[in-house]
Amino acid sequence: MSFETAGIVLPVWLPLLWGVLVGLVFSTVGAAGGILASVGLISVMGIQDPNLVKPMAQALTLATPLIAVPGYYRQGRVVLSLAFILGAGGILGALVGSTLSATYLTDIDLFRSIFGVLTLGIALQILSRLFVRKRKSGTRSERAAAAFEGLVHDGGSTSAIGVKHRHRSLWRIRFAFAGEEFEYAPWAPFLTGAGIAVLSSALGVGGGFLLVPFMVLLLGLPMFLVAGTAAMAIAVSSVTSIANYIRLGVELDVPLLLLLLAGTVAGAWIGPRVSGHLRERWLEGILGLVLLLIGIRYLGGF
């Protein structure tokens, strides 16, 4: 099939299959969906225009939350307050990042290099944390994760121990999950959401590859909360970024995008039904390995 706007010819099954992979990975671990989408558009499908890749990839990260988030919400695994605050900051950051990128980041080789450096850095950070956690135990995150895993194993209703907010103010938000309490200052995710959205919209990714380490490493949340919360926040910044790219004159390849979206929707539907039965370290390990391989690939490692 010929895709005129993208200037490529592909079998129909290829974008469909790649979309399934993007939706499955993103909805399962809350990150790497946009990265995989960009990798597919550039390296698998052969698109050479960065300004076409960016909004097309972000459209896939937008589709995933629409399918996956309701499932996570029913399981009590979305921190709504955190998602809304990250998303609010993301609106500002997405406008800035997409405008600068559409003007200055138009060379495919430069785009690939920056893409690779950021991805590799995040992969090493996540994988190093897995080894650190082997020497530590008894954290709130680990206790909550163990309680959630135990309930899933016993066939209980996860909504019974799902997220419940205890306190909300301009200075502190506190919530409970799986018998443990977590808290954060609202200004931190707002500024983080804005900063991440600048980078993610400039590179045409969802931002989960940065949101996940922020929520896991800095806020100390278990991975079971991260995927749904990150996906919801990403939806807000992705809409803003895509709309701004279109406003700046970028034309999407609609037939190609529709095939990718069809696959992504299928993968996003499967993700929440799979992730609840995986151990938390498996989720982090999958994410870290995926990002490591992509980072090495884009820096010319293989």
C-alpha atoms as a PDB file:
ATOM      1  CA  MET A   1       0.000   0.000   0.000  1.00  0.00           C
ATOM      2  CA  SER A   2       1.293   3.467  -0.904  1.00  0.00           C
ATOM      3  CA  PHE A   3       1.278   6.256   1.699  1.00  0.00           C
ATOM      4  CA  GLU A   4       1.748   9.446  -0.281  1.00  0.00           C
ATOM      5  CA  THR A   5       2.222  12.003   2.484  1.00  0.00           C
ATOM      6  CA  ALA A   6       4.904   9.884   4.161  1.00  0.00           C
ATOM      7  CA  GLY A   7       6.414   8.915   0.805  1.00  0.00           C
ATOM      8  CA  ILE A   8       6.620   5.194   1.604  1.00  0.00           C
ATOM      9  CA  VAL A   9       5.146   1.860   0.438  1.00  0.00           C
ATOM     10  CA  LEU A  10       4.314  -0.760   3.094  1.00  0.00           C
ATOM     11  CA  PRO A  11       2.268  -3.938   3.528  1.00  0.00           C
ATOM     12  CA  VAL A  12      -0.877  -3.160   5.521  1.00  0.00           C
ATOM     13  CA  TRP A  13      -0.046  -5.659   8.261  1.00  0.00           C
ATOM     14  CA  LEU A  14       3.198  -3.888   9.247  1.00  0.00           C
ATOM     15  CA  PRO A  15       1.738  -0.668  10.740  1.00  0.00           C
ATOM     16  CA  LEU A  16      -1.076  -2.716  12.272  1.00  0.00           C
ATOM     17  CA  LEU A  17       1.353  -5.058  14.026  1.00  0.00           C
ATOM     18  CA  TRP A  18       3.634  -2.249  15.133  1.00  0.00           C
ATOM     19  CA  GLY A  19       0.640  -0.399  16.549  1.00  0.00           C
ATOM     20  CA  VAL A  20      -0.248  -3.450  18.663  1.00  0.00           C
ATOM     21  CA  LEU A  21       3.298  -3.459  20.079  1.00  0.00           C
ATOM     22  CA  VAL A  22       3.136   0.264  20.873  1.00  0.00           C
ATOM     23  CA  GLY A  23      -0.224  -0.009  22.630  1.00  0.00           C
ATOM     24  CA  LEU A  24       0.746  -3.120  24.581  1.00  0.00           C
ATOM     25  CA  VAL A  25       4.058  -1.749  25.876  1.00  0.00           C
ATOM     26  CA  PHE A  26       2.749   1.723  26.690  1.00  0.00           C
ATOM     27  CA  SER A  27      -0.396   0.528  28.476  1.00  0.00           C
ATOM     28  CA  THR A  28       1.559  -2.111  30.406  1.00  0.00           C
ATOM     29  CA  VAL A  29       4.461  -0.059  31.755  1.00  0.00           C
ATOM     30  CA  GLY A  30       3.203   3.513  31.248  1.00  0.00           C
ATOM     31  CA  ALA A  31       6.135   4.509  29.070  1.00  0.00           C
ATOM     32  CA  ALA A  32       8.128   3.769  25.897  1.00  0.00           C
ATOM     33  CA  GLY A  33       5.032   3.796  23.679  1.00  0.00           C
ATOM     34  CA  GLY A  34       5.981   7.053  21.980  1.00  0.00           C
ATOM     35  CA  ILE A  35       9.584   5.929  21.704  1.00  0.00           C
ATOM     36  CA  LEU A  36       8.550   2.671  20.048  1.00  0.00           C
ATOM     37  CA  ALA A  37       6.196   4.585  17.757  1.00  0.00           C
ATOM     38  CA  SER A  38       9.025   6.871  16.624  1.00  0.00           C
ATOM     39  CA  VAL A  39      11.387   3.925  16.167  1.00  0.00           C
ATOM     40  CA  GLY A  40       8.790   2.197  14.019  1.00  0.00           C
ATOM     41  CA  LEU A  41       8.063   5.255  11.894  1.00  0.00           C
ATOM     42  CA  ILE A  42      11.750   5.992  11.280  1.00  0.00           C
ATOM     43  CA  SER A  43      13.566   2.648  11.266  1.00  0.00           C
ATOM     44  CA  VAL A  44      10.836   0.149  10.349  1.00  0.00           C
ATOM     45  CA  MET A  45       8.679   2.205   7.985  1.00  0.00           C
ATOM     46  CA  GLY A  46      11.358   4.526   6.646  1.00  0.00           C
ATOM     47  CA  ILE A  47       9.915   8.016   7.233  1.00  0.00           C
ATOM     48  CA  GLN A  48      12.682  10.625   6.977  1.00  0.00           C
ATOM     49  CA  ASP A  49      10.822  13.812   7.943  1.00  0.00           C
ATOM     50  CA  PRO A  50      11.143  14.415  11.732  1.00  0.00           C
ATOM     51  CA  ASN A  51       8.252  16.882  11.720  1.00  0.00           C
ATOM     52  CA  LEU A  52       5.954  14.141  10.383  1.00  0.00           C
ATOM     53  CA  VAL A  53       7.246  11.548  12.838  1.00  0.00           C
ATOM     54  CA  LYS A  54       6.664  13.706  15.936  1.00  0.00           C
ATOM     55  CA  PRO A  55       2.873  14.275  15.798  1.00  0.00           C
ATOM     56  CA  MET A  56       2.219  10.831  14.267  1.00  0.00           C
ATOM     57  CA  ALA A  57       4.016   9.141  17.169  1.00  0.00           C
ATOM     58  CA  GLN A  58       2.251  11.301  19.720  1.00  0.00           C
ATOM     59  CA  ALA A  59      -1.116  10.435  18.214  1.00  0.00           C
ATOM     60  CA  LEU A  60      -0.438   6.815  19.152  1.00  0.00           C
ATOM     61  CA  THR A  61       0.441   7.763  22.734  1.00  0.00           C
ATOM     62  CA  LEU A  62      -2.855   9.639  22.847  1.00  0.00           C
ATOM     63  CA  ALA A  63      -4.890   6.647  21.692  1.00  0.00           C
ATOM     64  CA  THR A  64      -3.483   4.350  24.347  1.00  0.00           C
ATOM     65  CA  PRO A  65      -4.743   6.305  27.398  1.00  0.00           C
ATOM     66  CA  LEU A  66      -8.256   6.491  25.960  1.00  0.00           C
ATOM     67  CA  ILE A  67      -8.384   2.681  25.986  1.00  0.00           C
ATOM     68  CA  ALA A  68      -6.148   1.767  28.937  1.00  0.00           C
ATOM     69  CA  VAL A  69      -6.947   4.397  31.584  1.00  0.00           C
ATOM     70  CA  PRO A  70     -10.579   3.335  32.220  1.00  0.00           C
ATOM     71  CA  GLY A  71      -9.338  -0.189  32.960  1.00  0.00           C
ATOM     72  CA  TYR A  72      -6.717   1.068  35.390  1.00  0.00           C
ATOM     73  CA  TYR A  73      -9.250   3.387  37.019  1.00  0.00           C
ATOM     74  CA  ARG A  74     -11.649   0.516  37.681  1.00  0.00           C
ATOM     75  CA  GLN A  75      -8.760  -1.339  39.318  1.00  0.00           C
ATOM     76  CA  GLY A  76      -8.050   1.662  41.587  1.00  0.00           C
ATOM     77  CA  ARG A  77      -4.653   2.279  39.981  1.00  0.00           C
ATOM     78  CA  VAL A  78      -4.889   5.921  38.829  1.00  0.00           C
ATOM     79  CA  VAL A  79      -3.865   8.860  41.049  1.00  0.00           C
ATOM     80  CA  LEU A  80      -6.237  11.411  39.520  1.00  0.00           C
ATOM     81  CA  SER A  81      -4.842  14.449  41.324  1.00  0.00           C
ATOM     82  CA  LEU A  82      -1.307  13.675  40.179  1.00  0.00           C
ATOM     83  CA  ALA A  83      -2.396  13.020  36.586  1.00  0.00           C
ATOM     84  CA  PHE A  84      -4.288  16.332  36.382  1.00  0.00           C
ATOM     85  CA  ILE A  85      -1.396  18.357  37.827  1.00  0.00           C
ATOM     86  CA  LEU A  86       1.149  16.742  35.508  1.00  0.00           C
ATOM     87  CA  GLY A  87      -1.216  17.356  32.597  1.00  0.00           C
ATOM     88  CA  ALA A  88      -1.691  21.032  33.498  1.00  0.00           C
ATOM     89  CA  GLY A  89       2.057  21.581  33.419  1.00  0.00           C
ATOM     90  CA  GLY A  90       2.216  19.543  30.236  1.00  0.00           C
ATOM     91  CA  ILE A  91      -0.025  21.977  28.345  1.00  0.00           C
ATOM     92  CA  LEU A  92       2.464  24.785  28.812  1.00  0.00           C
ATOM     93  CA  GLY A  93       5.485  22.614  28.049  1.00  0.00           C
ATOM     94  CA  ALA A  94       3.932  21.056  24.943  1.00  0.00           C
ATOM     95  CA  LEU A  95       3.254  24.442  23.355  1.00  0.00           C
ATOM     96  CA  VAL A  96       6.843  25.548  23.900  1.00  0.00           C
ATOM     97  CA  GLY A  97       8.482  22.265  22.874  1.00  0.00           C
ATOM     98  CA  SER A  98       6.501  21.637  19.690  1.00  0.00           C
ATOM     99  CA  THR A  99       6.973  25.216  18.471  1.00  0.00           C
ATOM    100  CA  LEU A 100      10.747  25.116  18.962  1.00  0.00           C
ATOM    101  CA  SER A 101      11.091  21.623  17.507  1.00  0.00           C
ATOM    102  CA  ALA A 102       9.074  22.307  14.355  1.00  0.00           C
ATOM    103  CA  THR A 103      11.393  25.223  13.633  1.00  0.00           C
ATOM    104  CA  TYR A 104      14.822  23.998  14.695  1.00  0.00           C
ATOM    105  CA  LEU A 105      14.805  20.173  14.989  1.00  0.00           C
ATOM    106  CA  THR A 106      14.246  19.253  11.341  1.00  0.00           C
ATOM    107  CA  ASP A 107      17.364  17.180  10.581  1.00  0.00           C
ATOM    108  CA  ILE A 108      16.776  13.442  10.900  1.00  0.00           C
ATOM    109  CA  ASP A 109      20.342  12.622  12.003  1.00  0.00           C
ATOM    110  CA  LEU A 110      20.303  15.220  14.780  1.00  0.00           C
ATOM    111  CA  PHE A 111      16.861  14.014  15.817  1.00  0.00           C
ATOM    112  CA  ARG A 112      18.066  10.409  16.078  1.00  0.00           C
ATOM    113  CA  SER A 113      21.128  11.371  18.145  1.00  0.00           C
ATOM    114  CA  ILE A 114      19.196  13.410  20.713  1.00  0.00           C
ATOM    115  CA  PHE A 115      16.543  10.709  20.828  1.00  0.00           C
ATOM    116  CA  GLY A 116      19.169   8.055  21.542  1.00  0.00           C
ATOM    117  CA  VAL A 117      20.971   9.966  24.298  1.00  0.00           C
ATOM    118  CA  LEU A 118      17.819  10.662  26.291  1.00  0.00           C
ATOM    119  CA  THR A 119      16.482   7.140  25.898  1.00  0.00           C
ATOM    120  CA  LEU A 120      19.748   5.497  26.917  1.00  0.00           C
ATOM    121  CA  GLY A 121      20.071   7.717  29.993  1.00  0.00           C
ATOM    122  CA  ILE A 122      16.616   6.843  31.252  1.00  0.00           C
ATOM    123  CA  ALA A 123      17.171   3.123  30.593  1.00  0.00           C
ATOM    124  CA  LEU A 124      20.355   3.060  32.656  1.00  0.00           C
ATOM    125  CA  GLN A 125      18.622   4.923  35.474  1.00  0.00           C
ATOM    126  CA  ILE A 126      15.737   2.469  35.674  1.00  0.00           C
ATOM    127  CA  LEU A 127      17.904  -0.649  35.383  1.00  0.00           C
ATOM    128  CA  SER A 128      20.310   0.602  38.058  1.00  0.00           C
ATOM    129  CA  ARG A 129      17.360   1.052  40.405  1.00  0.00           C
ATOM    130  CA  LEU A 130      16.468  -2.622  40.071  1.00  0.00           C
ATOM    131  CA  PHE A 131      19.859  -3.617  41.491  1.00  0.00           C
ATOM    132  CA  VAL A 132      19.634  -1.052  44.289  1.00  0.00           C
ATOM    133  CA  ARG A 133      16.225  -2.406  45.305  1.00  0.00           C
ATOM    134  CA  LYS A 134      17.695  -5.877  45.724  1.00  0.00           C
ATOM    135  CA  ARG A 135      19.714  -4.513  48.637  1.00  0.00           C
ATOM    136  CA  LYS A 136      16.785  -2.629  50.176  1.00  0.00           C
ATOM    137  CA  SER A 137      13.438  -3.822  51.423  1.00  0.00           C
ATOM    138  CA  GLY A 138      10.479  -2.686  53.420  1.00  0.00           C
ATOM    139  CA  THR A 139       9.750   0.585  51.619  1.00  0.00           C
ATOM    140  CA  ARG A 140       6.172   1.835  51.360  1.00  0.00           C
ATOM    141  CA  SER A 141       6.246   1.215  47.624  1.00  0.00           C
ATOM    142  CA  GLU A 142       7.371  -2.392  48.056  1.00  0.00           C
ATOM    143  CA  ARG A 143       4.840  -3.115  50.782  1.00  0.00           C
ATOM    144  CA  ALA A 144       2.013  -1.674  48.663  1.00  0.00           C
ATOM    145  CA  ALA A 145       3.178  -3.615  45.601  1.00  0.00           C
ATOM    146  CA  ALA A 146       3.356  -6.852  47.611  1.00  0.00           C
ATOM    147  CA  ALA A 147      -0.157  -6.311  48.988  1.00  0.00           C
ATOM    148  CA  PHE A 148      -1.522  -5.622  45.507  1.00  0.00           C
ATOM    149  CA  GLU A 149       0.235  -8.646  44.014  1.00  0.00           C
ATOM    150  CA  GLY A 150      -1.092 -10.821  46.825  1.00  0.00           C
ATOM    151  CA  LEU A 151      -4.668  -9.684  46.264  1.00  0.00           C
ATOM    152  CA  VAL A 152      -4.423 -10.331  42.515  1.00  0.00           C
ATOM    153  CA  HIS A 153      -2.962 -13.764  43.212  1.00  0.00           C
ATOM    154  CA  ASP A 154      -5.864 -14.585  45.550  1.00  0.00           C
ATOM    155  CA  GLY A 155      -8.419 -13.361  43.022  1.00  0.00           C
ATOM    156  CA  GLY A 156      -9.681 -10.439  45.141  1.00  0.00           C
ATOM    157  CA  SER A 157     -11.089  -7.117  43.948  1.00  0.00           C
ATOM    158  CA  THR A 158      -8.239  -4.625  43.521  1.00  0.00           C
ATOM    159  CA  SER A 159     -10.607  -1.660  43.753  1.00  0.00           C
ATOM    160  CA  ALA A 160     -10.989  -2.421  47.477  1.00  0.00           C
ATOM    161  CA  ILE A 161      -7.376  -1.382  48.100  1.00  0.00           C
ATOM    162  CA  GLY A 162      -7.190   1.144  45.255  1.00  0.00           C
ATOM    163  CA  VAL A 163      -6.243   4.815  45.424  1.00  0.00           C
ATOM    164  CA  LYS A 164      -8.188   6.892  47.954  1.00  0.00           C
ATOM    165  CA  HIS A 165      -7.285  10.532  48.578  1.00  0.00           C
ATOM    166  CA  ARG A 166      -6.961  11.545  52.240  1.00  0.00           C
ATOM    167  CA  HIS A 167      -5.933  15.188  52.012  1.00  0.00           C
ATOM    168  CA  ARG A 168      -5.767  17.875  49.316  1.00  0.00           C
ATOM    169  CA  SER A 169      -4.306  21.383  49.601  1.00  0.00           C
ATOM    170  CA  LEU A 170      -2.115  23.752  47.611  1.00  0.00           C
ATOM    171  CA  TRP A 171       0.896  22.542  49.583  1.00  0.00           C
ATOM    172  CA  ARG A 172       0.360  18.826  50.100  1.00  0.00           C
ATOM    173  CA  ILE A 173      -1.695  15.971  48.647  1.00  0.00           C
ATOM    174  CA  ARG A 174      -1.907  12.651  50.445  1.00  0.00           C
ATOM    175  CA  PHE A 175      -3.513   9.385  49.314  1.00  0.00           C
ATOM    176  CA  ALA A 176      -3.629   5.719  50.301  1.00  0.00           C
ATOM    177  CA  PHE A 177      -3.016   2.639  48.162  1.00  0.00           C
ATOM    178  CA  ALA A 178      -2.882  -0.992  49.250  1.00  0.00           C
ATOM    179  CA  GLY A 179      -2.672  -0.108  52.938  1.00  0.00           C
ATOM    180  CA  GLU A 180       0.142   2.455  52.542  1.00  0.00           C
ATOM    181  CA  GLU A 181       0.010   6.262  52.437  1.00  0.00           C
ATOM    182  CA  PHE A 182       1.870   8.431  49.913  1.00  0.00           C
ATOM    183  CA  GLU A 183       2.120  12.204  49.586  1.00  0.00           C
ATOM    184  CA  TYR A 184       3.595  14.870  47.342  1.00  0.00           C
ATOM    185  CA  ALA A 185       3.769  18.669  46.960  1.00  0.00           C
ATOM    186  CA  PRO A 186       1.628  19.811  43.959  1.00  0.00           C
ATOM    187  CA  TRP A 187       4.219  22.257  42.623  1.00  0.00           C
ATOM    188  CA  ALA A 188       6.715  19.437  41.930  1.00  0.00           C
ATOM    189  CA  PRO A 189       4.603  17.500  39.379  1.00  0.00           C
ATOM    190  CA  PHE A 190       3.404  20.746  37.765  1.00  0.00           C
ATOM    191  CA  LEU A 191       6.947  21.932  37.036  1.00  0.00           C
ATOM    192  CA  THR A 192       8.060  18.417  36.139  1.00  0.00           C
ATOM    193  CA  GLY A 193       5.108  17.980  33.786  1.00  0.00           C
ATOM    194  CA  ALA A 194       5.975  21.227  32.032  1.00  0.00           C
ATOM    195  CA  GLY A 195       9.652  20.333  31.659  1.00  0.00           C
ATOM    196  CA  ILE A 196       8.971  16.809  30.444  1.00  0.00           C
ATOM    197  CA  ALA A 197       6.385  18.077  27.948  1.00  0.00           C
ATOM    198  CA  VAL A 198       8.955  20.444  26.413  1.00  0.00           C
ATOM    199  CA  LEU A 199      11.272  17.511  25.714  1.00  0.00           C
ATOM    200  CA  SER A 200       8.596  14.985  24.770  1.00  0.00           C
ATOM    201  CA  SER A 201       6.773  17.288  22.352  1.00  0.00           C
ATOM    202  CA  ALA A 202      10.091  18.323  20.802  1.00  0.00           C
ATOM    203  CA  LEU A 203      10.973  14.667  20.204  1.00  0.00           C
ATOM    204  CA  GLY A 204       7.440  13.529  19.372  1.00  0.00           C
ATOM    205  CA  VAL A 205       7.091  11.049  22.221  1.00  0.00           C
ATOM    206  CA  GLY A 206       4.580  10.767  25.026  1.00  0.00           C
ATOM    207  CA  GLY A 207       6.915  11.553  27.897  1.00  0.00           C
ATOM    208  CA  GLY A 208       6.278   8.376  29.861  1.00  0.00           C
ATOM    209  CA  PHE A 209       9.982   7.520  29.658  1.00  0.00           C
ATOM    210  CA  LEU A 210      10.568  10.517  31.951  1.00  0.00           C
ATOM    211  CA  LEU A 211       7.311  10.518  33.898  1.00  0.00           C
ATOM    212  CA  VAL A 212       7.825   6.934  35.069  1.00  0.00           C
ATOM    213  CA  PRO A 213      11.245   7.577  36.698  1.00  0.00           C
ATOM    214  CA  PHE A 214       9.871  10.783  38.269  1.00  0.00           C
ATOM    215  CA  MET A 215       6.954   8.960  39.876  1.00  0.00           C
ATOM    216  CA  VAL A 216       8.936   5.865  40.851  1.00  0.00           C
ATOM    217  CA  LEU A 217      12.276   7.353  41.897  1.00  0.00           C
ATOM    218  CA  LEU A 218      11.314  10.780  43.237  1.00  0.00           C
ATOM    219  CA  LEU A 219       7.725  10.331  44.439  1.00  0.00           C
ATOM    220  CA  GLY A 220       8.312   6.743  45.552  1.00  0.00           C
ATOM    221  CA  LEU A 221       5.170   5.280  43.967  1.00  0.00           C
ATOM    222  CA  PRO A 222       4.772   1.586  43.117  1.00  0.00           C
ATOM    223  CA  MET A 223       4.782   0.695  39.431  1.00  0.00           C
ATOM    224  CA  PHE A 224       1.196  -0.525  39.692  1.00  0.00           C
ATOM    225  CA  LEU A 225       0.103   3.128  40.016  1.00  0.00           C
ATOM    226  CA  VAL A 226       2.474   4.571  37.465  1.00  0.00           C
ATOM    227  CA  ALA A 227       1.181   3.171  34.170  1.00  0.00           C
ATOM    228  CA  GLY A 228      -2.378   4.496  34.402  1.00  0.00           C
ATOM    229  CA  THR A 229      -1.416   7.809  36.003  1.00  0.00           C
ATOM    230  CA  ALA A 230       1.297   8.500  33.415  1.00  0.00           C
ATOM    231  CA  ALA A 231      -0.986   7.555  30.519  1.00  0.00           C
ATOM    232  CA  MET A 232      -3.677   9.988  31.663  1.00  0.00           C
ATOM    233  CA  ALA A 233      -1.201  12.863  32.086  1.00  0.00           C
ATOM    234  CA  ILE A 234       0.373  12.151  28.702  1.00  0.00           C
ATOM    235  CA  ALA A 235      -2.996  12.385  26.967  1.00  0.00           C
ATOM    236  CA  VAL A 236      -3.282  16.059  27.915  1.00  0.00           C
ATOM    237  CA  SER A 237       0.160  17.120  26.674  1.00  0.00           C
ATOM    238  CA  SER A 238      -0.127  14.955  23.542  1.00  0.00           C
ATOM    239  CA  VAL A 239      -3.361  16.655  22.439  1.00  0.00           C
ATOM    240  CA  THR A 240      -1.738  20.060  22.903  1.00  0.00           C
ATOM    241  CA  SER A 241       1.418  19.108  21.016  1.00  0.00           C
ATOM    242  CA  ILE A 242      -0.353  17.461  18.066  1.00  0.00           C
ATOM    243  CA  ALA A 243      -2.701  20.419  17.653  1.00  0.00           C
ATOM    244  CA  ASN A 244       0.227  22.826  17.667  1.00  0.00           C
ATOM    245  CA  TYR A 245       2.172  20.840  15.034  1.00  0.00           C
ATOM    246  CA  ILE A 246      -0.892  20.904  12.780  1.00  0.00           C
ATOM    247  CA  ARG A 247      -1.273  24.640  13.412  1.00  0.00           C
ATOM    248  CA  LEU A 248       2.359  25.075  12.352  1.00  0.00           C
ATOM    249  CA  GLY A 249       1.643  23.400   8.996  1.00  0.00           C
ATOM    250  CA  VAL A 250       2.570  19.741   9.522  1.00  0.00           C
ATOM    251  CA  GLU A 251       0.372  17.415   7.424  1.00  0.00           C
ATOM    252  CA  LEU A 252      -0.338  13.975   8.901  1.00  0.00           C
ATOM    253  CA  ASP A 253      -0.462  10.817   6.767  1.00  0.00           C
ATOM    254  CA  VAL A 254      -4.024   9.891   7.721  1.00  0.00           C
ATOM    255  CA  PRO A 255      -4.246   6.370   6.146  1.00  0.00           C
ATOM    256  CA  LEU A 256      -0.989   5.302   7.807  1.00  0.00           C
ATOM    257  CA  LEU A 257      -2.053   6.843  11.099  1.00  0.00           C
ATOM    258  CA  LEU A 258      -5.401   5.032  11.057  1.00  0.00           C
ATOM    259  CA  LEU A 259      -3.702   1.646  10.601  1.00  0.00           C
ATOM    260  CA  LEU A 260      -1.278   2.376  13.427  1.00  0.00           C
ATOM    261  CA  LEU A 261      -4.122   3.544  15.645  1.00  0.00           C
ATOM    262  CA  ALA A 262      -6.147   0.389  14.995  1.00  0.00           C
ATOM    263  CA  GLY A 263      -3.218  -1.741  16.188  1.00  0.00           C
ATOM    264  CA  THR A 264      -2.533   0.548  19.134  1.00  0.00           C
ATOM    265  CA  VAL A 265      -6.118   0.331  20.363  1.00  0.00           C
ATOM    266  CA  ALA A 266      -5.910  -3.465  20.325  1.00  0.00           C
ATOM    267  CA  GLY A 267      -2.618  -3.458  22.226  1.00  0.00           C
ATOM    268  CA  ALA A 268      -3.906  -0.914  24.758  1.00  0.00           C
ATOM    269  CA  TRP A 269      -6.950  -3.069  25.453  1.00  0.00           C
ATOM    270  CA  ILE A 270      -4.730  -6.072  26.194  1.00  0.00           C
ATOM    271  CA  GLY A 271      -2.224  -4.182  28.388  1.00  0.00           C
ATOM    272  CA  PRO A 272      -4.214  -3.616  31.615  1.00  0.00           C
ATOM    273  CA  ARG A 273      -5.428  -7.206  31.517  1.00  0.00           C
ATOM    274  CA  VAL A 274      -1.853  -8.450  31.390  1.00  0.00           C
ATOM    275  CA  SER A 275       0.028  -6.069  33.701  1.00  0.00           C
ATOM    276  CA  GLY A 276      -1.952  -6.866  36.846  1.00  0.00           C
ATOM    277  CA  HIS A 277      -0.645 -10.439  36.705  1.00  0.00           C
ATOM    278  CA  LEU A 278       3.031  -9.475  36.315  1.00  0.00           C
ATOM    279  CA  ARG A 279       5.394  -8.870  39.208  1.00  0.00           C
ATOM    280  CA  GLU A 280       6.414  -5.229  39.703  1.00  0.00           C
ATOM    281  CA  ARG A 281      10.095  -5.854  38.981  1.00  0.00           C
ATOM    282  CA  TRP A 282       9.150  -7.495  35.701  1.00  0.00           C
ATOM    283  CA  LEU A 283       7.410  -4.303  34.619  1.00  0.00           C
ATOM    284  CA  GLU A 284      10.410  -2.149  35.458  1.00  0.00           C
ATOM    285  CA  GLY A 285      12.802  -4.622  33.878  1.00  0.00           C
ATOM    286  CA  ILE A 286      10.828  -4.743  30.633  1.00  0.00           C
ATOM    287  CA  LEU A 287      10.781  -0.962  30.447  1.00  0.00           C
ATOM    288  CA  GLY A 288      14.497  -0.626  31.164  1.00  0.00           C
ATOM    289  CA  LEU A 289      15.560  -3.245  28.622  1.00  0.00           C
ATOM    290  CA  VAL A 290      13.359  -1.790  25.876  1.00  0.00           C
ATOM    291  CA  LEU A 291      14.772   1.689  26.391  1.00  0.00           C
ATOM    292  CA  LEU A 292      18.354   0.400  26.630  1.00  0.00           C
ATOM    293  CA  LEU A 293      18.150  -1.381  23.277  1.00  0.00           C
ATOM    294  CA  ILE A 294      16.532   1.614  21.587  1.00  0.00           C
ATOM    295  CA  GLY A 295      19.099   4.051  22.998  1.00  0.00           C
ATOM    296  CA  ILE A 296      22.029   1.902  21.845  1.00  0.00           C
ATOM    297  CA  ARG A 297      20.451   1.452  18.419  1.00  0.00           C
ATOM    298  CA  TYR A 298      19.990   5.174  17.848  1.00  0.00           C
ATOM    299  CA  LEU A 299      23.522   5.975  18.951  1.00  0.00           C
ATOM    300  CA  GLY A 300      24.867   3.570  16.335  1.00  0.00           C
ATOM    301  CA  GLY A 301      25.526   0.612  18.623  1.00  0.00           C
ATOM    302  CA  PHE A 302      24.034  -1.931  16.182  1.00  0.00           C
END
